[in-house]
Protein backbone atom coordinates (compact mmCIF):
# COMPACT_ATOMS: atom_id res chain seq x y z
CA MET A 1 -14.86 -2.93 -7.84
CA THR A 2 -13.25 -0.30 -8.73
CA HIS A 3 -11.64 2.78 -7.72
CA SER A 4 -10.90 6.70 -7.96
CA LEU A 5 -7.52 7.22 -7.94
CA LYS A 6 -5.68 8.64 -10.62
CA LEU A 7 -2.50 6.28 -11.18
CA LYS A 8 0.19 6.12 -13.88
CA LYS A 9 0.76 2.11 -12.94
CA PRO A 10 -0.40 -0.55 -10.68
CA LEU A 11 -1.04 0.20 -6.95
CA ALA A 12 -0.97 -2.55 -4.92
CA PHE A 13 -2.46 -2.60 -1.75
CA PHE A 14 -1.34 -5.35 0.63
CA ASP A 15 -2.17 -6.99 4.12
CA LEU A 16 -0.15 -9.67 5.83
CA GLU A 17 -1.50 -11.86 8.38
CA THR A 18 1.76 -13.80 10.14
CA THR A 19 2.80 -15.94 12.99
CA GLY A 20 4.19 -12.65 15.19
CA THR A 21 4.98 -9.08 14.69
CA ASN A 22 9.18 -9.98 15.01
CA ILE A 23 10.45 -9.05 10.82
CA SER A 24 13.32 -11.51 11.53
CA LYS A 25 11.98 -14.67 13.10
CA ASP A 26 7.94 -14.81 12.18
CA ARG A 27 6.46 -15.64 8.93
CA ILE A 28 3.81 -14.44 6.74
CA VAL A 29 1.04 -17.24 6.93
CA GLU A 30 -1.60 -15.16 4.82
CA ILE A 31 -1.66 -12.43 2.25
CA SER A 32 -3.86 -10.44 0.23
CA ILE A 33 -3.00 -7.95 -2.19
CA ALA A 34 -5.76 -5.31 -4.15
CA LYS A 35 -3.97 -4.41 -7.59
CA ALA A 36 -5.17 -0.99 -8.13
CA MET A 37 -4.98 -0.65 -11.78
CA PRO A 38 -4.53 3.18 -13.64
CA ASP A 39 -8.25 2.15 -15.89
CA GLY A 40 -9.84 2.20 -12.43
CA SER A 41 -10.06 -1.49 -12.17
CA VAL A 42 -8.65 -3.96 -9.26
CA ASP A 43 -7.70 -7.23 -8.61
CA ILE A 44 -7.43 -9.29 -5.71
CA LYS A 45 -5.83 -12.67 -4.76
CA THR A 46 -5.64 -13.82 -1.32
CA LYS A 47 -3.22 -16.67 -0.88
CA ARG A 48 -2.60 -18.50 2.84
CA ILE A 49 1.03 -19.88 3.45
CA ASN A 50 2.30 -22.64 5.42
CA PRO A 51 4.73 -20.48 7.82
CA GLU A 52 6.73 -23.86 8.43
CA MET A 53 6.92 -23.40 12.01
CA PRO A 54 3.92 -22.87 14.63
CA ILE A 55 2.00 -20.31 14.78
CA PRO A 56 1.50 -18.98 18.63
CA VAL A 57 -2.07 -19.43 19.83
CA GLU A 58 -1.97 -15.79 20.66
CA SER A 59 -1.42 -14.70 17.01
CA SER A 60 -3.94 -17.23 16.18
CA LEU A 61 -6.74 -15.60 18.27
CA ILE A 62 -5.94 -12.57 16.70
CA HIS A 63 -6.10 -13.44 13.03
CA GLY A 64 -7.87 -16.68 13.11
CA ILE A 65 -6.07 -18.38 11.36
CA TYR A 66 -4.35 -22.05 12.89
CA ASP A 67 -2.06 -24.14 12.20
CA GLU A 68 -4.39 -26.80 10.82
CA ASP A 69 -5.13 -24.09 8.43
CA VAL A 70 -2.23 -23.73 6.66
CA LYS A 71 -0.66 -27.50 7.16
CA ASP A 72 -1.48 -28.15 3.54
CA CYS A 73 -0.95 -24.52 2.33
CA PRO A 74 2.23 -23.73 -0.41
CA THR A 75 5.15 -22.25 1.45
CA PHE A 76 6.35 -18.63 0.59
CA LYS A 77 9.06 -20.44 -1.64
CA GLN A 78 6.54 -22.07 -3.52
CA LEU A 79 4.87 -18.50 -4.30
CA ALA A 80 7.79 -16.43 -4.45
CA LYS A 81 8.31 -16.15 -7.91
CA SER A 82 4.27 -15.96 -8.84
CA MET A 83 3.82 -13.47 -6.24
CA ALA A 84 6.97 -11.45 -7.61
CA GLN A 85 5.12 -10.95 -11.52
CA PHE A 86 2.06 -10.10 -9.91
CA LEU A 87 3.66 -7.31 -8.10
CA GLN A 88 6.16 -6.49 -10.87
CA GLY A 89 5.51 -2.60 -12.31
CA CYS A 90 3.31 -1.69 -8.78
CA ASP A 91 3.63 0.58 -6.18
CA LEU A 92 2.82 -0.21 -2.68
CA ALA A 93 0.53 0.84 -0.18
CA GLY A 94 -1.00 -0.74 3.17
CA PHE A 95 -2.02 0.29 6.81
CA ASN A 96 1.28 0.29 8.40
CA SER A 97 3.01 -0.84 5.67
CA ASN A 98 6.07 1.21 5.90
CA ARG A 99 6.70 -0.14 9.64
CA PHE A 100 5.53 -4.03 9.30
CA ASP A 101 4.30 -5.63 6.20
CA ILE A 102 6.38 -4.02 3.67
CA PRO A 103 9.54 -5.23 5.65
CA MET A 104 8.20 -8.35 6.78
CA LEU A 105 7.53 -8.95 2.58
CA VAL A 106 11.21 -7.77 1.98
CA GLU A 107 12.42 -10.04 4.67
CA GLU A 108 10.45 -13.08 3.20
CA PHE A 109 11.73 -12.35 -0.38
CA LEU A 110 15.31 -12.12 1.02
CA ARG A 111 14.92 -15.55 2.23
CA VAL A 112 14.02 -17.33 -0.60
CA ASP A 113 16.17 -14.93 -3.19
CA SER A 114 17.79 -11.29 -2.70
CA GLY A 115 16.94 -10.46 -6.17
CA MET A 116 14.07 -11.55 -6.88
CA PHE A 117 11.67 -8.62 -5.75
CA ASP A 118 13.38 -5.11 -5.35
CA ILE A 119 11.09 -2.15 -3.82
CA LYS A 120 14.26 0.77 -5.48
CA ASN A 121 11.95 2.44 -8.20
CA ARG A 122 8.28 2.00 -5.81
CA LYS A 123 6.49 4.27 -4.44
CA LEU A 124 5.49 3.37 -0.98
CA VAL A 125 2.27 4.97 0.43
CA ASP A 126 1.28 4.24 3.90
CA VAL A 127 -2.45 5.37 4.68
CA GLN A 128 -1.75 5.06 7.81
CA ARG A 129 0.04 7.92 7.98
CA ILE A 130 -1.71 10.12 6.24
CA PHE A 131 -4.82 9.17 8.72
CA HIS A 132 -2.48 9.58 11.88
CA GLN A 133 -1.27 12.78 10.78
CA MET A 134 -4.85 14.22 9.55
CA GLU A 135 -7.26 12.15 12.12
CA PRO A 136 -5.10 10.06 14.50
CA ARG A 137 -7.31 7.09 14.63
CA THR A 138 -7.41 3.05 14.12
CA LEU A 139 -8.27 1.69 10.54
CA GLY A 140 -11.29 0.67 12.12
CA ALA A 141 -12.12 3.85 13.25
CA ALA A 142 -10.57 5.15 10.10
CA TYR A 143 -12.97 3.39 8.03
CA LYS A 144 -16.53 4.35 9.95
CA PHE A 145 -14.74 7.85 9.57
CA TYR A 146 -13.81 8.14 6.02
CA CYS A 147 -16.48 5.61 4.21
CA ASP A 148 -19.24 5.34 7.23
CA LYS A 149 -18.87 1.50 7.00
CA SER A 150 -18.79 -0.59 10.04
CA LEU A 151 -15.14 -3.06 9.59
CA VAL A 152 -16.60 -6.46 9.54
CA ASN A 153 -13.67 -9.11 9.68
CA ALA A 154 -11.07 -7.20 11.02
CA HIS A 155 -7.61 -9.03 11.17
CA SER A 156 -8.95 -10.59 8.16
CA ALA A 157 -6.41 -9.80 5.37
CA GLU A 158 -8.51 -9.40 2.20
CA ALA A 159 -11.06 -6.92 4.57
CA ASP A 160 -8.31 -5.13 5.66
CA THR A 161 -6.89 -4.80 2.34
CA ILE A 162 -9.83 -3.70 0.73
CA ALA A 163 -10.64 -1.36 3.54
CA THR A 164 -7.39 0.15 3.30
CA MET A 165 -8.11 0.74 -0.48
CA GLU A 166 -11.56 2.64 0.48
CA VAL A 167 -10.16 4.88 2.87
CA LEU A 168 -7.43 5.76 0.87
CA CYS A 169 -10.17 6.94 -1.86
CA ALA A 170 -11.82 8.89 0.64
CA GLN A 171 -8.48 10.66 2.40
CA VAL A 172 -7.88 11.89 -1.40
CA GLU A 173 -11.25 13.35 -1.90
CA ARG A 174 -11.30 14.95 1.60
CA TYR A 175 -7.81 16.43 2.04
CA GLU A 176 -6.66 17.36 -1.78
CA GLY A 177 -6.33 21.32 -1.51
CA VAL A 178 -6.17 20.75 2.48
CA LYS A 179 -2.80 22.87 4.14
CA ILE A 180 -1.12 21.61 7.15
CA GLU A 181 1.96 23.22 9.01
CA THR A 182 5.03 21.93 9.09
CA LYS A 183 6.47 21.52 12.30
CA LYS A 184 9.04 24.53 10.84
CA GLY A 185 5.86 26.59 10.59
CA GLU A 186 5.46 25.98 6.80
CA GLU A 187 1.88 25.44 5.07
CA ILE A 188 2.02 22.41 2.92
CA GLU A 189 -1.06 20.49 0.63
CA PRO A 190 0.37 17.66 0.96
CA VAL A 191 -2.70 15.13 -0.20
CA LYS A 192 -2.99 14.46 -3.93
CA ASN A 193 -4.30 12.04 -6.38
CA ASP A 194 -0.70 11.32 -7.50
CA VAL A 195 1.05 8.44 -5.88
CA GLU A 196 4.42 10.13 -5.93
CA ALA A 197 3.22 12.99 -3.74
CA LEU A 198 1.49 10.40 -1.45
CA HIS A 199 4.25 8.52 -1.47
CA GLU A 200 6.62 11.71 -0.01
CA PHE A 201 3.92 12.54 2.65
CA THR A 202 3.79 8.69 4.15
CA SER A 203 6.98 7.46 3.20
CA GLY A 204 9.76 10.34 2.95
CA LYS A 205 13.24 8.62 2.71
CA ILE A 206 13.96 5.06 4.24
CA VAL A 207 17.13 4.01 5.05
CA ASP A 208 16.20 0.32 6.21
CA PHE A 209 12.70 -0.95 7.07
CA ALA A 210 13.54 -1.63 10.68
CA ALA A 211 14.58 2.39 10.99
CA ARG A 212 18.02 1.10 12.77
CA MET A 213 19.56 3.58 10.31
CA ALA A 214 18.09 7.02 9.28
CA TYR A 215 19.04 10.10 7.82
CA ASN A 216 19.43 13.34 9.89
CA ASP A 217 18.94 17.03 8.75
CA LYS A 218 22.10 17.08 6.74
CA ASP A 219 21.16 13.93 5.05
CA GLU A 220 23.50 11.78 6.02
CA ILE A 221 23.04 8.35 7.02
CA VAL A 222 23.15 7.61 11.18
CA PHE A 223 22.48 4.75 13.68
CA ASN A 224 19.28 5.12 14.95
CA PHE A 225 19.80 3.18 17.73
CA GLY A 226 21.89 1.65 20.76
CA LYS A 227 25.54 3.44 21.70
CA HIS A 228 26.05 4.95 18.28
CA ARG A 229 22.53 6.49 17.76
CA GLY A 230 22.98 9.85 16.20
CA ARG A 231 26.52 9.18 14.75
CA LEU A 232 27.50 8.81 10.90
CA VAL A 233 27.47 5.00 9.56
CA THR A 234 30.33 5.68 7.51
CA ASP A 235 32.17 7.11 10.91
CA VAL A 236 31.30 4.23 13.31
CA LEU A 237 32.28 1.83 10.51
CA LYS A 238 35.58 3.57 10.08
CA ARG A 239 36.64 3.90 13.35
CA GLU A 240 35.09 0.55 15.28
CA PRO A 241 35.20 -2.25 12.08
CA ALA A 242 33.78 -4.61 14.82
CA TYR A 243 30.57 -3.44 14.64
CA TYR A 244 29.62 -4.53 11.37
CA ASP A 245 30.34 -7.79 12.45
CA TRP A 246 28.40 -8.00 15.16
CA ILE A 247 25.83 -6.62 13.68
CA MET A 248 25.66 -9.00 10.97
CA ASN A 249 25.95 -12.18 13.53
CA ASN A 250 23.01 -11.05 15.73
CA ASP A 251 19.59 -10.56 15.23
CA PHE A 252 18.95 -8.19 13.09
CA PRO A 253 16.63 -8.43 9.72
CA LEU A 254 18.42 -9.49 6.51
CA ASP A 255 17.35 -5.53 4.76
CA THR A 256 19.43 -4.10 8.15
CA LYS A 257 22.25 -6.32 6.99
CA GLN A 258 21.80 -6.02 3.22
CA LYS A 259 21.80 -1.91 3.10
CA LEU A 260 24.60 -1.96 5.93
CA THR A 261 26.60 -4.06 3.62
CA GLN A 262 25.50 -1.88 0.65
CA ILE A 263 27.02 1.56 2.51
CA LYS A 264 30.48 -0.39 4.01
CA LEU A 265 30.94 -1.33 0.07
CA SER A 266 30.51 1.77 -1.53
CA MET A 267 32.92 3.38 1.60
CA ALA A 268 35.34 0.91 0.21
CA GLY A 269 34.43 1.87 -3.94
CA SER A 270 35.17 5.86 -2.92
CA LEU A 271 38.82 4.33 -1.57
CA PHE A 272 39.80 2.83 -4.78
CA GLY A 273 38.18 5.28 -6.98
């Protein structure tokens, strides 16, 4: 298998099957990674994972993976090191990956070792964002629309991963040079055969993957939920220090807690710097 993307470094397409959709509580049961290389080749790895918790039947009915199928499979902790090595130096891509797959993967790595997998210098390309902004549909419809193929074995991690890669290649071919109008009335050409441009179009600036915090129009970090929605995080932490403790002691993703802690520490640093 080959691809047509212009890459400066590997772009790892991946898809997860999980016990559910709660990033804090649920676990990965299957991961498939299609690593697109700058030379046009593709290296595919698919692994089933013992989630160390029962798989709810409603989830099994979607992806077809049951407790019996993964009881003898390695745990994420056992696979983490080799997986991190396989993804080393790669940018990341997927379908709805910025909202689900990447946060879920980051959370699993954080449980094992907070320093093993860092996304700070990686570009993130969410194929669904391109699709929904250019041709609102689902992955199956996207595959039919862009590639004129039917998606067989939908909700199989490998089938979805390969389809996602083919869709991005077709999207780049179709939309490179096509102009769209922004909410501000500006004309832009957002889709280019360039991972950095695709990252800017599909990801923008992310504070935490659960989007409990976000950037406002002034590029300041604000809370994006609850009673402090829209208020500067730094202001809230100064005026209501107990709010930090409340978040840290409740059911928020580890990634959110880590990012909030970094903001708090940076505030302390500015006081003494």
